[in-house]
């Protein structure tokens, strides 16, 4: 199997904690061909979509640690046609580049892509989470999305809670997530100006959500594979920050899914699969779905660490990838045989 990872640059990888690196290492350990490129490396040559790739050199023995693997990898640059790969694994950071998806549209029928282009278009920002909530469901916290400052201030004033969460629509890794309190209404006007205004005459959407009691104790990151939970961890905020993201200084701990969290996964899993969102990270607080991360969900290395490598999420992910590629190849072979039979009739 040959896999192309469309991701952030190799030199930006954290060699001890990077989820993409864990997936690449698992592919290399199994003898699969691996190449990497950034969205900016996509190009068209003679009407064929290619990428300027860094190809991972084959190793006689793959080091056991991520850091050791990262230090030993030898890369060579080569332009390669994307349709020649068996799978494309999308791992670039937000925001989503729509032009990149246009490049990939030309190969989506030839290559298995994680996650699907249609799913990525639908779910690349925090609005997707709202698709799981309605007046009959208590699955997400009460949520408002708007550019209208007057409306947002009204919702804050009318909220029964003293605290709410404010965040940009396209943020990631906990960036821009702040806790607002009614007791500090004098600051909210300027905060909304900052979040909504881009400074270039355009405006941004912001999300306003009810604060979930217990959020100060952290959240739960659950990795979902093909609609099923395959790993989870508790993320605990640092002493000086309300955010529990590890990138924002949070710490991690083991977590066993509660009955409510299992029910939540069961409820949202079928839609994730239907939308082609095979590998995602969901963030849960108090049994409520806060975010669905579809572009480059992290957490594999941290989950492995807290479970002392008794859980190896990357193995399950690559097992799934191999099975989908095999299914696709078998379907192609079957169509070829049937078409041959018709042609020879």
C-alpha atoms as a PDB file:
ATOM      1  CA  UNK A   1       0.000   0.000   0.000  1.00  0.00           C
ATOM      2  CA  UNK A   2       1.204   3.507  -0.825  1.00  0.00           C
ATOM      3  CA  UNK A   3      -0.092   6.392   1.271  1.00  0.00           C
ATOM      4  CA  UNK A   4       0.263  10.132   0.772  1.00  0.00           C
ATOM      5  CA  UNK A   5      -0.145  12.298   3.868  1.00  0.00           C
ATOM      6  CA  UNK A   6      -1.253  15.835   3.056  1.00  0.00           C
ATOM      7  CA  UNK A   7      -0.164  17.677   6.171  1.00  0.00           C
ATOM      8  CA  UNK A   8       1.908  20.421   7.780  1.00  0.00           C
ATOM      9  CA  UNK A   9       5.659  20.630   7.027  1.00  0.00           C
ATOM     10  CA  UNK A  10       7.936  17.859   8.322  1.00  0.00           C
ATOM     11  CA  UNK A  11      10.091  20.308  10.289  1.00  0.00           C
ATOM     12  CA  UNK A  12       7.024  21.465  12.285  1.00  0.00           C
ATOM     13  CA  UNK A  13       6.440  17.998  13.714  1.00  0.00           C
ATOM     14  CA  UNK A  14       6.781  17.425  17.457  1.00  0.00           C
ATOM     15  CA  UNK A  15       8.892  14.232  17.333  1.00  0.00           C
ATOM     16  CA  UNK A  16       7.606  12.986  20.685  1.00  0.00           C
ATOM     17  CA  UNK A  17       3.879  13.734  20.547  1.00  0.00           C
ATOM     18  CA  UNK A  18       2.760  14.106  16.938  1.00  0.00           C
ATOM     19  CA  UNK A  19      -0.234  12.018  15.842  1.00  0.00           C
ATOM     20  CA  UNK A  20       0.635  12.272  12.131  1.00  0.00           C
ATOM     21  CA  UNK A  21       4.127  10.981  12.868  1.00  0.00           C
ATOM     22  CA  UNK A  22       2.648   8.019  14.774  1.00  0.00           C
ATOM     23  CA  UNK A  23       0.517   7.119  11.744  1.00  0.00           C
ATOM     24  CA  UNK A  24       3.447   7.520   9.333  1.00  0.00           C
ATOM     25  CA  UNK A  25       5.653   5.358  11.551  1.00  0.00           C
ATOM     26  CA  UNK A  26       3.005   2.622  11.693  1.00  0.00           C
ATOM     27  CA  UNK A  27       2.770   2.616   7.887  1.00  0.00           C
ATOM     28  CA  UNK A  28       6.560   2.400   7.583  1.00  0.00           C
ATOM     29  CA  UNK A  29       6.704  -0.416  10.145  1.00  0.00           C
ATOM     30  CA  UNK A  30       4.307  -2.433   7.994  1.00  0.00           C
ATOM     31  CA  UNK A  31       6.392  -1.861   4.876  1.00  0.00           C
ATOM     32  CA  UNK A  32       3.992   0.528   3.191  1.00  0.00           C
ATOM     33  CA  UNK A  33       5.242   3.305   0.965  1.00  0.00           C
ATOM     34  CA  UNK A  34       4.806   6.745   2.524  1.00  0.00           C
ATOM     35  CA  UNK A  35       5.008  10.219   1.017  1.00  0.00           C
ATOM     36  CA  UNK A  36       4.114  13.610   2.460  1.00  0.00           C
ATOM     37  CA  UNK A  37       3.197  16.959   1.003  1.00  0.00           C
ATOM     38  CA  UNK A  38       1.644  20.211   2.139  1.00  0.00           C
ATOM     39  CA  UNK A  39      -1.460  21.666   0.439  1.00  0.00           C
ATOM     40  CA  UNK A  40       0.802  24.266  -1.191  1.00  0.00           C
ATOM     41  CA  UNK A  41       2.754  21.437  -2.900  1.00  0.00           C
ATOM     42  CA  UNK A  42      -0.177  20.338  -5.074  1.00  0.00           C
ATOM     43  CA  UNK A  43       0.216  21.023  -8.777  1.00  0.00           C
ATOM     44  CA  UNK A  44      -1.135  19.976 -12.181  1.00  0.00           C
ATOM     45  CA  UNK A  45       1.154  18.643 -14.868  1.00  0.00           C
ATOM     46  CA  UNK A  46      -0.196  17.671 -18.283  1.00  0.00           C
ATOM     47  CA  UNK A  47      -3.744  17.775 -16.853  1.00  0.00           C
ATOM     48  CA  UNK A  48      -2.801  15.301 -14.081  1.00  0.00           C
ATOM     49  CA  UNK A  49      -2.886  16.252 -10.404  1.00  0.00           C
ATOM     50  CA  UNK A  50       0.556  15.797  -8.836  1.00  0.00           C
ATOM     51  CA  UNK A  51       2.297  16.780  -5.634  1.00  0.00           C
ATOM     52  CA  UNK A  52       5.860  17.722  -4.800  1.00  0.00           C
ATOM     53  CA  UNK A  53       6.347  15.048  -2.141  1.00  0.00           C
ATOM     54  CA  UNK A  54       8.840  14.123   0.522  1.00  0.00           C
ATOM     55  CA  UNK A  55       9.116  10.365   0.167  1.00  0.00           C
ATOM     56  CA  UNK A  56      10.081   8.369   3.263  1.00  0.00           C
ATOM     57  CA  UNK A  57      12.993   6.055   2.534  1.00  0.00           C
ATOM     58  CA  UNK A  58      12.513   2.369   3.308  1.00  0.00           C
ATOM     59  CA  UNK A  59      14.122   1.126   6.533  1.00  0.00           C
ATOM     60  CA  UNK A  60      15.451  -2.328   7.286  1.00  0.00           C
ATOM     61  CA  UNK A  61      14.399  -1.805  10.904  1.00  0.00           C
ATOM     62  CA  UNK A  62      12.010   0.908  12.053  1.00  0.00           C
ATOM     63  CA  UNK A  63      13.042   2.437  15.429  1.00  0.00           C
ATOM     64  CA  UNK A  64      10.655   1.665  18.271  1.00  0.00           C
ATOM     65  CA  UNK A  65      10.232   5.275  19.445  1.00  0.00           C
ATOM     66  CA  UNK A  66       8.700   8.194  17.595  1.00  0.00           C
ATOM     67  CA  UNK A  67      11.693  10.382  18.334  1.00  0.00           C
ATOM     68  CA  UNK A  68      14.087   7.699  17.079  1.00  0.00           C
ATOM     69  CA  UNK A  69      12.026   7.206  13.928  1.00  0.00           C
ATOM     70  CA  UNK A  70      11.904  10.938  13.245  1.00  0.00           C
ATOM     71  CA  UNK A  71      15.673  11.281  13.592  1.00  0.00           C
ATOM     72  CA  UNK A  72      16.419   8.292  11.337  1.00  0.00           C
ATOM     73  CA  UNK A  73      14.022   9.046   8.495  1.00  0.00           C
ATOM     74  CA  UNK A  74      15.644   9.906   5.196  1.00  0.00           C
ATOM     75  CA  UNK A  75      13.513  11.943   2.807  1.00  0.00           C
ATOM     76  CA  UNK A  76      13.817  12.460  -0.912  1.00  0.00           C
ATOM     77  CA  UNK A  77      11.853  14.975  -2.960  1.00  0.00           C
ATOM     78  CA  UNK A  78       9.877  13.793  -5.955  1.00  0.00           C
ATOM     79  CA  UNK A  79       6.874  14.906  -7.984  1.00  0.00           C
ATOM     80  CA  UNK A  80       4.285  12.106  -7.889  1.00  0.00           C
ATOM     81  CA  UNK A  81       0.761  11.690  -9.336  1.00  0.00           C
ATOM     82  CA  UNK A  82      -1.816  11.515  -6.548  1.00  0.00           C
ATOM     83  CA  UNK A  83      -3.947   8.981  -8.442  1.00  0.00           C
ATOM     84  CA  UNK A  84      -1.020   6.564  -8.173  1.00  0.00           C
ATOM     85  CA  UNK A  85      -1.453   6.266  -4.399  1.00  0.00           C
ATOM     86  CA  UNK A  86      -3.768   3.757  -2.761  1.00  0.00           C
ATOM     87  CA  UNK A  87      -4.808   6.196  -0.045  1.00  0.00           C
ATOM     88  CA  UNK A  88      -4.548   9.859   0.853  1.00  0.00           C
ATOM     89  CA  UNK A  89      -4.573  10.727   4.545  1.00  0.00           C
ATOM     90  CA  UNK A  90      -5.488  14.340   5.152  1.00  0.00           C
ATOM     91  CA  UNK A  91      -3.722  15.833   8.204  1.00  0.00           C
ATOM     92  CA  UNK A  92      -3.320  19.552   7.445  1.00  0.00           C
ATOM     93  CA  UNK A  93      -4.180  22.065  10.149  1.00  0.00           C
ATOM     94  CA  UNK A  94      -7.202  24.393   9.898  1.00  0.00           C
ATOM     95  CA  UNK A  95      -8.379  26.524   8.243  1.00  0.00           C
ATOM     96  CA  UNK A  96      -9.372  24.350   5.310  1.00  0.00           C
ATOM     97  CA  UNK A  97      -8.028  25.428   1.920  1.00  0.00           C
ATOM     98  CA  UNK A  98     -10.922  25.085  -0.591  1.00  0.00           C
ATOM     99  CA  UNK A  99      -8.517  25.237  -3.556  1.00  0.00           C
ATOM    100  CA  UNK A 100      -6.756  22.147  -2.195  1.00  0.00           C
ATOM    101  CA  UNK A 101     -10.076  20.286  -2.253  1.00  0.00           C
ATOM    102  CA  UNK A 102     -10.551  21.319  -5.872  1.00  0.00           C
ATOM    103  CA  UNK A 103      -7.195  19.689  -6.691  1.00  0.00           C
ATOM    104  CA  UNK A 104      -8.258  16.496  -4.906  1.00  0.00           C
ATOM    105  CA  UNK A 105     -11.653  16.350  -6.647  1.00  0.00           C
ATOM    106  CA  UNK A 106      -9.852  15.004  -9.710  1.00  0.00           C
ATOM    107  CA  UNK A 107      -8.588  11.910  -7.848  1.00  0.00           C
ATOM    108  CA  UNK A 108     -11.374  11.160  -5.345  1.00  0.00           C
ATOM    109  CA  UNK A 109     -12.714   8.299  -7.499  1.00  0.00           C
ATOM    110  CA  UNK A 110      -9.269   6.699  -7.812  1.00  0.00           C
ATOM    111  CA  UNK A 111      -7.908   6.953  -4.262  1.00  0.00           C
ATOM    112  CA  UNK A 112      -9.406   6.285  -0.836  1.00  0.00           C
ATOM    113  CA  UNK A 113      -9.278   9.599   1.049  1.00  0.00           C
ATOM    114  CA  UNK A 114      -9.438  10.085   4.833  1.00  0.00           C
ATOM    115  CA  UNK A 115     -11.524  12.107   5.438  1.00  0.00           C
ATOM    116  CA  UNK A 116     -13.766  12.361   2.378  1.00  0.00           C
ATOM    117  CA  UNK A 117     -13.775  15.645   0.501  1.00  0.00           C
ATOM    118  CA  UNK A 118     -17.533  16.009   0.870  1.00  0.00           C
ATOM    119  CA  UNK A 119     -17.269  15.437   4.612  1.00  0.00           C
ATOM    120  CA  UNK A 120     -14.415  17.900   4.915  1.00  0.00           C
ATOM    121  CA  UNK A 121     -16.378  20.585   3.079  1.00  0.00           C
ATOM    122  CA  UNK A 122     -19.332  20.078   5.379  1.00  0.00           C
ATOM    123  CA  UNK A 123     -17.545  19.677   8.684  1.00  0.00           C
ATOM    124  CA  UNK A 124     -14.341  21.744   8.556  1.00  0.00           C
ATOM    125  CA  UNK A 125     -15.577  24.354  11.022  1.00  0.00           C
ATOM    126  CA  UNK A 126     -17.419  24.326  14.316  1.00  0.00           C
ATOM    127  CA  UNK A 127     -20.826  24.761  12.694  1.00  0.00           C
ATOM    128  CA  UNK A 128     -20.875  21.017  11.986  1.00  0.00           C
ATOM    129  CA  UNK A 129     -21.387  20.281  15.664  1.00  0.00           C
ATOM    130  CA  UNK A 130     -24.712  22.110  15.521  1.00  0.00           C
ATOM    131  CA  UNK A 131     -25.952  19.449  13.074  1.00  0.00           C
ATOM    132  CA  UNK A 132     -26.221  17.053  16.015  1.00  0.00           C
ATOM    133  CA  UNK A 133     -28.509  19.285  18.064  1.00  0.00           C
ATOM    134  CA  UNK A 134     -32.201  20.104  17.865  1.00  0.00           C
ATOM    135  CA  UNK A 135     -35.050  21.038  20.193  1.00  0.00           C
ATOM    136  CA  UNK A 136     -35.596  17.372  21.038  1.00  0.00           C
ATOM    137  CA  UNK A 137     -31.950  16.641  21.745  1.00  0.00           C
ATOM    138  CA  UNK A 138     -29.744  17.578  24.657  1.00  0.00           C
ATOM    139  CA  UNK A 139     -26.566  16.423  22.931  1.00  0.00           C
ATOM    140  CA  UNK A 140     -24.871  19.822  22.545  1.00  0.00           C
ATOM    141  CA  UNK A 141     -24.783  22.913  24.768  1.00  0.00           C
ATOM    142  CA  UNK A 142     -27.097  25.768  23.796  1.00  0.00           C
ATOM    143  CA  UNK A 143     -25.261  27.438  20.905  1.00  0.00           C
ATOM    144  CA  UNK A 144     -25.459  30.750  19.030  1.00  0.00           C
ATOM    145  CA  UNK A 145     -23.458  31.600  15.886  1.00  0.00           C
ATOM    146  CA  UNK A 146     -23.531  35.097  14.464  1.00  0.00           C
ATOM    147  CA  UNK A 147     -21.654  38.166  13.217  1.00  0.00           C
ATOM    148  CA  UNK A 148     -24.283  40.425  14.746  1.00  0.00           C
ATOM    149  CA  UNK A 149     -22.811  41.983  17.862  1.00  0.00           C
ATOM    150  CA  UNK A 150     -26.146  43.343  19.092  1.00  0.00           C
ATOM    151  CA  UNK A 151     -27.722  39.907  18.863  1.00  0.00           C
ATOM    152  CA  UNK A 152     -24.821  38.213  20.676  1.00  0.00           C
ATOM    153  CA  UNK A 153     -24.891  40.742  23.512  1.00  0.00           C
ATOM    154  CA  UNK A 154     -28.630  40.163  23.853  1.00  0.00           C
ATOM    155  CA  UNK A 155     -28.078  36.407  24.158  1.00  0.00           C
ATOM    156  CA  UNK A 156     -25.478  36.936  26.862  1.00  0.00           C
ATOM    157  CA  UNK A 157     -27.831  39.196  28.819  1.00  0.00           C
ATOM    158  CA  UNK A 158     -30.761  36.787  28.459  1.00  0.00           C
ATOM    159  CA  UNK A 159     -28.757  33.703  29.416  1.00  0.00           C
ATOM    160  CA  UNK A 160     -29.685  32.223  32.795  1.00  0.00           C
ATOM    161  CA  UNK A 161     -26.055  31.346  33.366  1.00  0.00           C
ATOM    162  CA  UNK A 162     -23.454  33.740  34.723  1.00  0.00           C
ATOM    163  CA  UNK A 163     -20.776  32.409  32.369  1.00  0.00           C
ATOM    164  CA  UNK A 164     -20.567  31.547  28.652  1.00  0.00           C
ATOM    165  CA  UNK A 165     -17.894  30.397  26.205  1.00  0.00           C
ATOM    166  CA  UNK A 166     -16.898  32.594  23.266  1.00  0.00           C
ATOM    167  CA  UNK A 167     -14.734  31.283  20.395  1.00  0.00           C
ATOM    168  CA  UNK A 168     -13.974  31.945  16.705  1.00  0.00           C
ATOM    169  CA  UNK A 169     -15.717  29.747  14.172  1.00  0.00           C
ATOM    170  CA  UNK A 170     -12.490  28.605  12.491  1.00  0.00           C
ATOM    171  CA  UNK A 171     -10.182  28.294  15.487  1.00  0.00           C
ATOM    172  CA  UNK A 172      -8.389  25.094  16.507  1.00  0.00           C
ATOM    173  CA  UNK A 173      -6.197  23.772  19.298  1.00  0.00           C
ATOM    174  CA  UNK A 174      -8.057  25.916  21.827  1.00  0.00           C
ATOM    175  CA  UNK A 175      -6.976  29.141  20.106  1.00  0.00           C
ATOM    176  CA  UNK A 176      -9.251  32.073  20.861  1.00  0.00           C
ATOM    177  CA  UNK A 177     -11.500  30.211  23.302  1.00  0.00           C
ATOM    178  CA  UNK A 178     -12.374  32.484  26.197  1.00  0.00           C
ATOM    179  CA  UNK A 179     -14.675  32.406  29.206  1.00  0.00           C
ATOM    180  CA  UNK A 180     -16.922  35.441  29.559  1.00  0.00           C
ATOM    181  CA  UNK A 181     -18.900  36.467  32.645  1.00  0.00           C
ATOM    182  CA  UNK A 182     -21.918  38.726  33.032  1.00  0.00           C
ATOM    183  CA  UNK A 183     -20.119  40.520  35.831  1.00  0.00           C
ATOM    184  CA  UNK A 184     -17.668  41.823  33.219  1.00  0.00           C
ATOM    185  CA  UNK A 185     -20.188  43.068  30.624  1.00  0.00           C
ATOM    186  CA  UNK A 186     -18.174  46.254  30.168  1.00  0.00           C
ATOM    187  CA  UNK A 187     -15.464  44.223  28.407  1.00  0.00           C
ATOM    188  CA  UNK A 188     -17.740  42.141  26.190  1.00  0.00           C
ATOM    189  CA  UNK A 189     -18.429  44.906  23.674  1.00  0.00           C
ATOM    190  CA  UNK A 190     -14.736  45.328  22.852  1.00  0.00           C
ATOM    191  CA  UNK A 191     -14.156  41.555  22.874  1.00  0.00           C
ATOM    192  CA  UNK A 192     -16.863  41.061  20.259  1.00  0.00           C
ATOM    193  CA  UNK A 193     -15.401  43.889  18.163  1.00  0.00           C
ATOM    194  CA  UNK A 194     -12.040  42.104  18.241  1.00  0.00           C
ATOM    195  CA  UNK A 195     -13.457  38.684  17.315  1.00  0.00           C
ATOM    196  CA  UNK A 196     -15.866  39.871  14.625  1.00  0.00           C
ATOM    197  CA  UNK A 197     -13.711  42.463  12.856  1.00  0.00           C
ATOM    198  CA  UNK A 198     -10.939  41.268  10.523  1.00  0.00           C
ATOM    199  CA  UNK A 199      -9.427  44.688  10.080  1.00  0.00           C
ATOM    200  CA  UNK A 200      -9.808  44.485   6.297  1.00  0.00           C
ATOM    201  CA  UNK A 201     -13.473  45.407   6.058  1.00  0.00           C
ATOM    202  CA  UNK A 202     -14.734  41.830   6.360  1.00  0.00           C
ATOM    203  CA  UNK A 203     -16.224  40.209   9.428  1.00  0.00           C
ATOM    204  CA  UNK A 204     -15.948  36.830  11.144  1.00  0.00           C
ATOM    205  CA  UNK A 205     -18.520  34.540  12.680  1.00  0.00           C
ATOM    206  CA  UNK A 206     -18.167  33.773  16.360  1.00  0.00           C
ATOM    207  CA  UNK A 207     -19.689  31.037  18.497  1.00  0.00           C
ATOM    208  CA  UNK A 208     -21.349  31.666  21.823  1.00  0.00           C
ATOM    209  CA  UNK A 209     -22.141  28.609  23.941  1.00  0.00           C
ATOM    210  CA  UNK A 210     -23.607  27.973  27.352  1.00  0.00           C
ATOM    211  CA  UNK A 211     -20.938  27.194  29.886  1.00  0.00           C
ATOM    212  CA  UNK A 212     -21.141  23.570  30.993  1.00  0.00           C
ATOM    213  CA  UNK A 213     -20.783  23.047  34.704  1.00  0.00           C
ATOM    214  CA  UNK A 214     -17.693  20.996  35.420  1.00  0.00           C
ATOM    215  CA  UNK A 215     -15.804  22.410  32.450  1.00  0.00           C
ATOM    216  CA  UNK A 216     -13.229  23.808  34.862  1.00  0.00           C
ATOM    217  CA  UNK A 217     -12.319  20.183  35.634  1.00  0.00           C
ATOM    218  CA  UNK A 218     -11.457  19.517  31.996  1.00  0.00           C
ATOM    219  CA  UNK A 219     -12.915  17.794  28.952  1.00  0.00           C
ATOM    220  CA  UNK A 220     -12.679  14.387  27.299  1.00  0.00           C
ATOM    221  CA  UNK A 221     -11.054  13.858  23.893  1.00  0.00           C
ATOM    222  CA  UNK A 222     -12.473  10.784  22.172  1.00  0.00           C
ATOM    223  CA  UNK A 223     -10.964   9.501  18.923  1.00  0.00           C
ATOM    224  CA  UNK A 224     -13.599   8.025  16.618  1.00  0.00           C
ATOM    225  CA  UNK A 225     -12.719   5.549  13.861  1.00  0.00           C
ATOM    226  CA  UNK A 226     -15.383   4.523  11.359  1.00  0.00           C
ATOM    227  CA  UNK A 227     -18.075   5.689  13.767  1.00  0.00           C
ATOM    228  CA  UNK A 228     -16.729   3.894  16.838  1.00  0.00           C
ATOM    229  CA  UNK A 229     -14.638   5.179  19.771  1.00  0.00           C
ATOM    230  CA  UNK A 230     -11.092   3.748  19.697  1.00  0.00           C
ATOM    231  CA  UNK A 231      -9.391   5.798  22.408  1.00  0.00           C
ATOM    232  CA  UNK A 232     -10.086   8.474  24.984  1.00  0.00           C
ATOM    233  CA  UNK A 233      -8.301  10.669  27.487  1.00  0.00           C
ATOM    234  CA  UNK A 234      -9.180  13.279  30.070  1.00  0.00           C
ATOM    235  CA  UNK A 235      -7.679  16.728  29.431  1.00  0.00           C
ATOM    236  CA  UNK A 236      -7.244  18.852  32.523  1.00  0.00           C
ATOM    237  CA  UNK A 237      -6.717  22.650  32.378  1.00  0.00           C
ATOM    238  CA  UNK A 238      -3.562  24.184  33.751  1.00  0.00           C
ATOM    239  CA  UNK A 239      -3.725  26.358  36.835  1.00  0.00           C
ATOM    240  CA  UNK A 240      -3.603  29.595  34.826  1.00  0.00           C
ATOM    241  CA  UNK A 241      -5.885  28.712  31.882  1.00  0.00           C
ATOM    242  CA  UNK A 242      -9.489  27.533  31.560  1.00  0.00           C
ATOM    243  CA  UNK A 243      -8.675  25.623  28.349  1.00  0.00           C
ATOM    244  CA  UNK A 244      -7.860  21.943  28.654  1.00  0.00           C
ATOM    245  CA  UNK A 245      -6.066  21.554  25.290  1.00  0.00           C
ATOM    246  CA  UNK A 246      -2.580  20.100  25.752  1.00  0.00           C
ATOM    247  CA  UNK A 247      -1.297  22.776  23.362  1.00  0.00           C
ATOM    248  CA  UNK A 248      -2.645  25.365  25.812  1.00  0.00           C
ATOM    249  CA  UNK A 249      -0.853  23.871  28.812  1.00  0.00           C
ATOM    250  CA  UNK A 250      -3.374  21.250  29.874  1.00  0.00           C
ATOM    251  CA  UNK A 251      -2.420  17.849  31.244  1.00  0.00           C
ATOM    252  CA  UNK A 252      -3.808  14.400  30.432  1.00  0.00           C
ATOM    253  CA  UNK A 253      -5.075  11.382  32.336  1.00  0.00           C
ATOM    254  CA  UNK A 254      -6.693   8.013  31.694  1.00  0.00           C
ATOM    255  CA  UNK A 255     -10.395   8.032  31.018  1.00  0.00           C
ATOM    256  CA  UNK A 256     -12.984   5.278  30.786  1.00  0.00           C
ATOM    257  CA  UNK A 257     -16.027   6.273  28.769  1.00  0.00           C
ATOM    258  CA  UNK A 258     -19.152   6.852  30.851  1.00  0.00           C
ATOM    259  CA  UNK A 259     -22.554   5.479  29.917  1.00  0.00           C
ATOM    260  CA  UNK A 260     -23.561   8.927  28.627  1.00  0.00           C
ATOM    261  CA  UNK A 261     -20.385   9.236  26.532  1.00  0.00           C
ATOM    262  CA  UNK A 262     -20.912   5.783  25.012  1.00  0.00           C
ATOM    263  CA  UNK A 263     -24.486   6.748  24.138  1.00  0.00           C
ATOM    264  CA  UNK A 264     -23.229   9.983  22.585  1.00  0.00           C
ATOM    265  CA  UNK A 265     -20.732   8.103  20.396  1.00  0.00           C
ATOM    266  CA  UNK A 266     -23.429   5.660  19.331  1.00  0.00           C
ATOM    267  CA  UNK A 267     -25.736   8.523  18.408  1.00  0.00           C
ATOM    268  CA  UNK A 268     -23.290  10.514  16.284  1.00  0.00           C
ATOM    269  CA  UNK A 269     -21.278   7.616  14.810  1.00  0.00           C
ATOM    270  CA  UNK A 270     -23.632   6.769  11.907  1.00  0.00           C
ATOM    271  CA  UNK A 271     -23.688  10.370  10.659  1.00  0.00           C
ATOM    272  CA  UNK A 272     -19.903  10.603  10.803  1.00  0.00           C
ATOM    273  CA  UNK A 273     -19.593   7.472   8.640  1.00  0.00           C
ATOM    274  CA  UNK A 274     -22.347   8.649   6.277  1.00  0.00           C
ATOM    275  CA  UNK A 275     -20.442  11.909   5.787  1.00  0.00           C
ATOM    276  CA  UNK A 276     -17.166  10.061   5.125  1.00  0.00           C
ATOM    277  CA  UNK A 277     -15.616  11.329   8.366  1.00  0.00           C
ATOM    278  CA  UNK A 278     -13.785   8.138   9.230  1.00  0.00           C
ATOM    279  CA  UNK A 279     -11.192   9.481  11.671  1.00  0.00           C
ATOM    280  CA  UNK A 280     -12.212  12.366  13.914  1.00  0.00           C
ATOM    281  CA  UNK A 281     -11.641  13.657  17.409  1.00  0.00           C
ATOM    282  CA  UNK A 282     -14.629  14.756  19.461  1.00  0.00           C
ATOM    283  CA  UNK A 283     -14.478  16.893  22.592  1.00  0.00           C
ATOM    284  CA  UNK A 284     -17.031  16.153  25.304  1.00  0.00           C
ATOM    285  CA  UNK A 285     -17.840  17.943  28.559  1.00  0.00           C
ATOM    286  CA  UNK A 286     -20.424  16.598  30.972  1.00  0.00           C
ATOM    287  CA  UNK A 287     -21.781  14.218  28.360  1.00  0.00           C
ATOM    288  CA  UNK A 288     -22.324  17.036  25.833  1.00  0.00           C
ATOM    289  CA  UNK A 289     -20.640  17.310  22.440  1.00  0.00           C
ATOM    290  CA  UNK A 290     -18.587  20.503  22.273  1.00  0.00           C
ATOM    291  CA  UNK A 291     -16.547  20.061  19.080  1.00  0.00           C
ATOM    292  CA  UNK A 292     -15.927  17.646  16.201  1.00  0.00           C
ATOM    293  CA  UNK A 293     -12.337  17.861  14.897  1.00  0.00           C
ATOM    294  CA  UNK A 294     -12.092  16.486  11.360  1.00  0.00           C
ATOM    295  CA  UNK A 295      -8.959  17.986   9.796  1.00  0.00           C
ATOM    296  CA  UNK A 296      -6.027  16.798  11.897  1.00  0.00           C
ATOM    297  CA  UNK A 297      -7.396  15.338  15.137  1.00  0.00           C
ATOM    298  CA  UNK A 298      -4.636  14.676  17.640  1.00  0.00           C
ATOM    299  CA  UNK A 299      -4.313  12.599  20.770  1.00  0.00           C
ATOM    300  CA  UNK A 300      -2.957   9.229  19.641  1.00  0.00           C
ATOM    301  CA  UNK A 301       0.415   9.593  21.332  1.00  0.00           C
ATOM    302  CA  UNK A 302      -1.059  10.968  24.552  1.00  0.00           C
ATOM    303  CA  UNK A 303      -3.649   8.178  24.771  1.00  0.00           C
ATOM    304  CA  UNK A 304      -0.920   5.610  24.177  1.00  0.00           C
ATOM    305  CA  UNK A 305       1.190   7.168  26.938  1.00  0.00           C
ATOM    306  CA  UNK A 306      -1.487   7.257  29.641  1.00  0.00           C
ATOM    307  CA  UNK A 307      -2.342   3.635  28.890  1.00  0.00           C
ATOM    308  CA  UNK A 308       1.366   2.702  28.794  1.00  0.00           C
ATOM    309  CA  UNK A 309       1.081   1.527  25.162  1.00  0.00           C
ATOM    310  CA  UNK A 310      -1.554  -1.081  26.020  1.00  0.00           C
ATOM    311  CA  UNK A 311      -3.731   0.920  23.627  1.00  0.00           C
ATOM    312  CA  UNK A 312      -2.105   1.606  20.263  1.00  0.00           C
ATOM    313  CA  UNK A 313      -4.628   3.676  18.371  1.00  0.00           C
ATOM    314  CA  UNK A 314      -2.423   4.076  15.296  1.00  0.00           C
ATOM    315  CA  UNK A 315      -2.551   0.302  14.709  1.00  0.00           C
ATOM    316  CA  UNK A 316      -6.356   0.374  14.591  1.00  0.00           C
ATOM    317  CA  UNK A 317      -6.319   3.344  12.221  1.00  0.00           C
ATOM    318  CA  UNK A 318      -3.921   1.727   9.754  1.00  0.00           C
ATOM    319  CA  UNK A 319      -5.785  -1.594  10.026  1.00  0.00           C
ATOM    320  CA  UNK A 320      -8.892   0.303   8.918  1.00  0.00           C
ATOM    321  CA  UNK A 321      -7.017   2.070   6.116  1.00  0.00           C
ATOM    322  CA  UNK A 322      -5.667  -1.237   4.801  1.00  0.00           C
ATOM    323  CA  UNK A 323      -9.135  -2.808   4.840  1.00  0.00           C
ATOM    324  CA  UNK A 324     -10.662   0.075   2.875  1.00  0.00           C
ATOM    325  CA  UNK A 325      -7.876  -0.039   0.280  1.00  0.00           C
ATOM    326  CA  UNK A 326      -8.324  -3.810  -0.102  1.00  0.00           C
ATOM    327  CA  UNK A 327     -12.084  -3.349  -0.528  1.00  0.00           C
ATOM    328  CA  UNK A 328     -11.479  -0.707  -3.185  1.00  0.00           C
ATOM    329  CA  UNK A 329      -8.968  -2.863  -5.075  1.00  0.00           C
ATOM    330  CA  UNK A 330     -11.250  -5.897  -4.956  1.00  0.00           C
ATOM    331  CA  UNK A 331     -14.169  -3.835  -6.256  1.00  0.00           C
ATOM    332  CA  UNK A 332     -11.985  -2.551  -9.115  1.00  0.00           C
ATOM    333  CA  UNK A 333     -10.838  -6.098  -9.999  1.00  0.00           C
ATOM    334  CA  UNK A 334     -14.436  -7.316  -9.967  1.00  0.00           C
ATOM    335  CA  UNK A 335     -15.589  -4.530 -12.296  1.00  0.00           C
ATOM    336  CA  UNK A 336     -12.664  -5.254 -14.612  1.00  0.00           C
ATOM    337  CA  UNK A 337     -13.535  -8.967 -14.819  1.00  0.00           C
ATOM    338  CA  UNK A 338     -17.221  -8.273 -15.419  1.00  0.00           C
ATOM    339  CA  UNK A 339     -16.477  -5.696 -18.108  1.00  0.00           C
ATOM    340  CA  UNK A 340     -14.117  -8.131 -19.790  1.00  0.00           C
ATOM    341  CA  UNK A 341     -16.842 -10.768 -19.814  1.00  0.00           C
ATOM    342  CA  UNK A 342     -19.218  -8.352 -21.478  1.00  0.00           C
ATOM    343  CA  UNK A 343     -16.624  -7.191 -24.013  1.00  0.00           C
ATOM    344  CA  UNK A 344     -15.854 -10.794 -24.971  1.00  0.00           C
ATOM    345  CA  UNK A 345     -19.482 -11.830 -25.267  1.00  0.00           C
END
